[in-house]
Amino acid sequence: MSKLFSLLSKLMLVGVLGFLAACGDSSSDSSAKAPDVTFHTLEGNDISMASLQGKVVLVKFWATDCTTCVAQMPDTSQYATDYADQGFEVIGVAMKHDPEEYVRNFTSTRQLPFTVARDADGNIAKAFGDVRLTPTAFLIDKKGNILRRYVGNYDKQTFINTLEKALAS
């Protein structure tokens, strides 16, 4: 019985640590190339990752039922507005489980100042490493390399510093 209890305790600890990593400030450096995906916008346009070369891009996976995503939207909107003239682009990717009408309503009522795409078949999330947790964001440099991956909440000032450095290079 004590072996079973020990095993269950370890499994629970692993689960709690995984949950905390997903919810806390979890960012990591990366030097991989961003996948060459095509985003299908709510307006019916297609934007390829390749067409964004020369810009610093934040690809942010989110959902309307994600409280952290909703809480981060004002900051994401502010970054999109403040840095647009310096070559910064935000692509908000709504997850496949999110009904299109919810995404459209959220985008419209919040007047999001950046491109919103819907990942209807989940292929974009798969291409970015099988993203399942929201929010998950990727900051991509002008050459199409992933600079940072952010899961959950992250330090705003550290993000701004990384963004400004990428824009200056």
Protein backbone atom coordinates (compact mmCIF):
# COMPACT_ATOMS: atom_id res chain seq x y z
CA MET A 1 0.00 0.00 0.00
CA SER A 2 2.82 2.43 0.81
CA LYS A 3 4.39 1.80 -2.63
CA LEU A 4 1.11 2.68 -4.28
CA PHE A 5 0.79 5.81 -2.16
CA SER A 6 4.38 6.79 -3.04
CA LEU A 7 3.74 6.30 -6.74
CA LEU A 8 0.50 8.30 -6.61
CA SER A 9 2.25 11.09 -4.70
CA LYS A 10 4.98 11.28 -7.33
CA LEU A 11 2.47 11.33 -10.16
CA MET A 12 0.50 14.07 -8.44
CA LEU A 13 3.67 16.12 -7.92
CA VAL A 14 4.59 15.78 -11.60
CA GLY A 15 1.08 16.91 -12.55
CA VAL A 16 1.18 19.91 -10.22
CA LEU A 17 4.61 20.96 -11.47
CA GLY A 18 3.41 20.64 -15.06
CA PHE A 19 0.36 22.75 -14.29
CA LEU A 20 2.47 25.42 -12.58
CA ALA A 21 4.85 25.53 -15.51
CA ALA A 22 1.93 26.03 -17.86
CA CYS A 23 0.35 28.75 -15.74
CA GLY A 24 3.40 30.59 -14.51
CA ASP A 25 5.98 32.74 -16.25
CA SER A 26 7.37 30.10 -18.53
CA SER A 27 9.48 31.36 -21.36
CA SER A 28 12.29 29.66 -23.13
CA ASP A 29 14.91 30.61 -25.64
CA SER A 30 14.75 28.92 -28.97
CA SER A 31 16.77 29.14 -32.14
CA ALA A 32 14.52 27.08 -34.40
CA LYS A 33 13.06 28.42 -37.61
CA ALA A 34 9.39 29.29 -37.41
CA PRO A 35 7.32 26.83 -39.44
CA ASP A 36 6.19 28.03 -42.85
CA VAL A 37 2.48 28.03 -42.17
CA THR A 38 -0.33 30.03 -43.69
CA PHE A 39 -2.68 31.90 -41.37
CA HIS A 40 -6.32 32.17 -42.48
CA THR A 41 -7.61 35.46 -41.10
CA LEU A 42 -11.14 36.20 -39.98
CA GLU A 43 -11.39 38.61 -42.94
CA GLY A 44 -10.74 35.72 -45.34
CA ASN A 45 -7.14 36.59 -46.20
CA ASP A 46 -4.17 34.25 -46.17
CA ILE A 47 -0.87 35.34 -44.66
CA SER A 48 2.14 33.08 -44.99
CA MET A 49 4.88 33.07 -42.39
CA ALA A 50 7.37 33.63 -45.23
CA SER A 51 5.60 36.88 -46.19
CA LEU A 52 6.32 38.24 -42.70
CA GLN A 53 10.11 38.02 -43.09
CA GLY A 54 11.67 41.38 -42.30
CA LYS A 55 9.22 41.94 -39.43
CA VAL A 56 9.32 40.88 -35.81
CA VAL A 57 6.24 38.74 -35.28
CA LEU A 58 4.37 37.54 -32.22
CA VAL A 59 2.31 34.44 -32.99
CA LYS A 60 -0.03 34.06 -30.05
CA PHE A 61 -2.22 30.99 -29.58
CA TRP A 62 -5.29 31.85 -27.51
CA ALA A 63 -8.88 30.95 -26.80
CA THR A 64 -11.95 32.93 -25.77
CA ASP A 65 -12.46 30.59 -22.79
CA CYS A 66 -8.91 31.10 -21.48
CA THR A 67 -8.90 33.61 -18.61
CA THR A 68 -5.16 34.28 -18.90
CA CYS A 69 -5.56 34.91 -22.65
CA VAL A 70 -8.37 37.38 -22.03
CA ALA A 71 -6.35 39.10 -19.29
CA GLN A 72 -3.34 39.47 -21.62
CA MET A 73 -5.28 40.93 -24.56
CA PRO A 74 -5.02 44.59 -23.48
CA ASP A 75 -1.22 44.30 -23.24
CA THR A 76 -0.98 42.41 -26.53
CA SER A 77 -3.14 45.09 -28.17
CA GLN A 78 -0.96 47.83 -26.71
CA TYR A 79 2.25 46.20 -27.99
CA ALA A 80 0.69 45.77 -31.44
CA THR A 81 -0.21 49.47 -31.53
CA ASP A 82 2.96 50.86 -29.93
CA TYR A 83 5.42 48.93 -32.08
CA ALA A 84 3.57 48.59 -35.41
CA ASP A 85 5.48 51.44 -37.03
CA GLN A 86 8.77 49.72 -36.10
CA GLY A 87 7.89 46.54 -38.00
CA PHE A 88 6.11 44.54 -35.31
CA GLU A 89 3.22 42.29 -36.30
CA VAL A 90 0.91 40.28 -34.03
CA ILE A 91 -0.99 37.26 -35.30
CA GLY A 92 -3.53 36.00 -32.78
CA VAL A 93 -4.29 32.36 -33.54
CA ALA A 94 -7.60 31.14 -32.10
CA MET A 95 -7.50 27.46 -31.21
CA LYS A 96 -9.55 24.93 -33.17
CA HIS A 97 -11.95 24.20 -30.29
CA ASP A 98 -13.04 27.84 -30.17
CA PRO A 99 -16.28 28.39 -32.16
CA GLU A 100 -15.76 30.89 -34.96
CA GLU A 101 -18.66 33.07 -33.79
CA TYR A 102 -17.06 33.39 -30.33
CA VAL A 103 -13.75 34.42 -31.89
CA ARG A 104 -15.43 36.95 -34.17
CA ASN A 105 -17.47 38.39 -31.29
CA PHE A 106 -14.42 38.66 -29.03
CA THR A 107 -12.31 40.28 -31.76
CA SER A 108 -15.06 42.74 -32.63
CA THR A 109 -16.13 43.75 -29.12
CA ARG A 110 -12.51 44.23 -28.01
CA GLN A 111 -11.57 45.96 -31.29
CA LEU A 112 -8.34 44.00 -31.46
CA PRO A 113 -5.79 46.03 -33.46
CA PHE A 114 -3.96 43.00 -34.83
CA THR A 115 -4.61 40.14 -37.22
CA VAL A 116 -6.69 37.29 -35.86
CA ALA A 117 -6.64 33.91 -37.54
CA ARG A 118 -8.52 30.75 -36.69
CA ASP A 119 -6.73 27.40 -36.64
CA ALA A 120 -9.84 25.45 -37.69
CA ASP A 121 -8.07 22.15 -38.29
CA GLY A 122 -5.30 22.49 -35.69
CA ASN A 123 -2.50 22.33 -38.27
CA ILE A 124 -0.92 25.62 -37.23
CA ALA A 125 -0.76 24.52 -33.58
CA LYS A 126 0.77 21.22 -34.71
CA ALA A 127 3.39 23.00 -36.82
CA PHE A 128 4.45 25.08 -33.81
CA GLY A 129 5.18 21.99 -31.72
CA ASP A 130 1.66 20.73 -31.08
CA VAL A 131 0.52 23.70 -28.99
CA ARG A 132 -2.26 22.65 -26.60
CA LEU A 133 -1.98 25.14 -23.73
CA THR A 134 -3.15 28.71 -24.03
CA PRO A 135 -1.80 31.25 -24.06
CA THR A 136 1.31 30.11 -25.87
CA ALA A 137 3.19 32.73 -27.85
CA PHE A 138 6.24 32.72 -30.09
CA LEU A 139 8.35 35.82 -30.69
CA ILE A 140 9.94 35.52 -34.12
CA ASP A 141 12.79 37.67 -35.41
CA LYS A 142 13.09 39.39 -38.78
CA LYS A 143 14.80 36.35 -40.29
CA GLY A 144 12.03 33.96 -39.24
CA ASN A 145 13.81 32.45 -36.23
CA ILE A 146 11.92 31.79 -33.01
CA LEU A 147 13.53 33.96 -30.34
CA ARG A 148 11.33 33.01 -27.38
CA ARG A 149 8.40 30.80 -26.52
CA TYR A 150 6.05 32.04 -23.80
CA VAL A 151 3.54 29.79 -22.03
CA GLY A 152 1.06 31.35 -19.62
CA ASN A 153 1.93 34.59 -17.90
CA TYR A 154 5.28 36.20 -18.51
CA ASP A 155 7.18 39.23 -17.25
CA LYS A 156 6.03 42.24 -19.29
CA GLN A 157 9.25 44.21 -19.02
CA THR A 158 11.38 41.25 -20.05
CA PHE A 159 9.09 40.74 -23.06
CA ILE A 160 9.36 44.42 -24.03
CA ASN A 161 13.15 44.32 -23.68
CA THR A 162 13.36 41.23 -25.92
CA LEU A 163 10.94 42.79 -28.42
CA GLU A 164 12.83 46.09 -28.60
CA LYS A 165 16.15 44.29 -29.03
CA ALA A 166 14.69 42.23 -31.90
CA LEU A 167 13.26 45.34 -33.55
CA ALA A 168 16.62 47.12 -33.31
CA SER A 169 18.57 44.31 -34.95
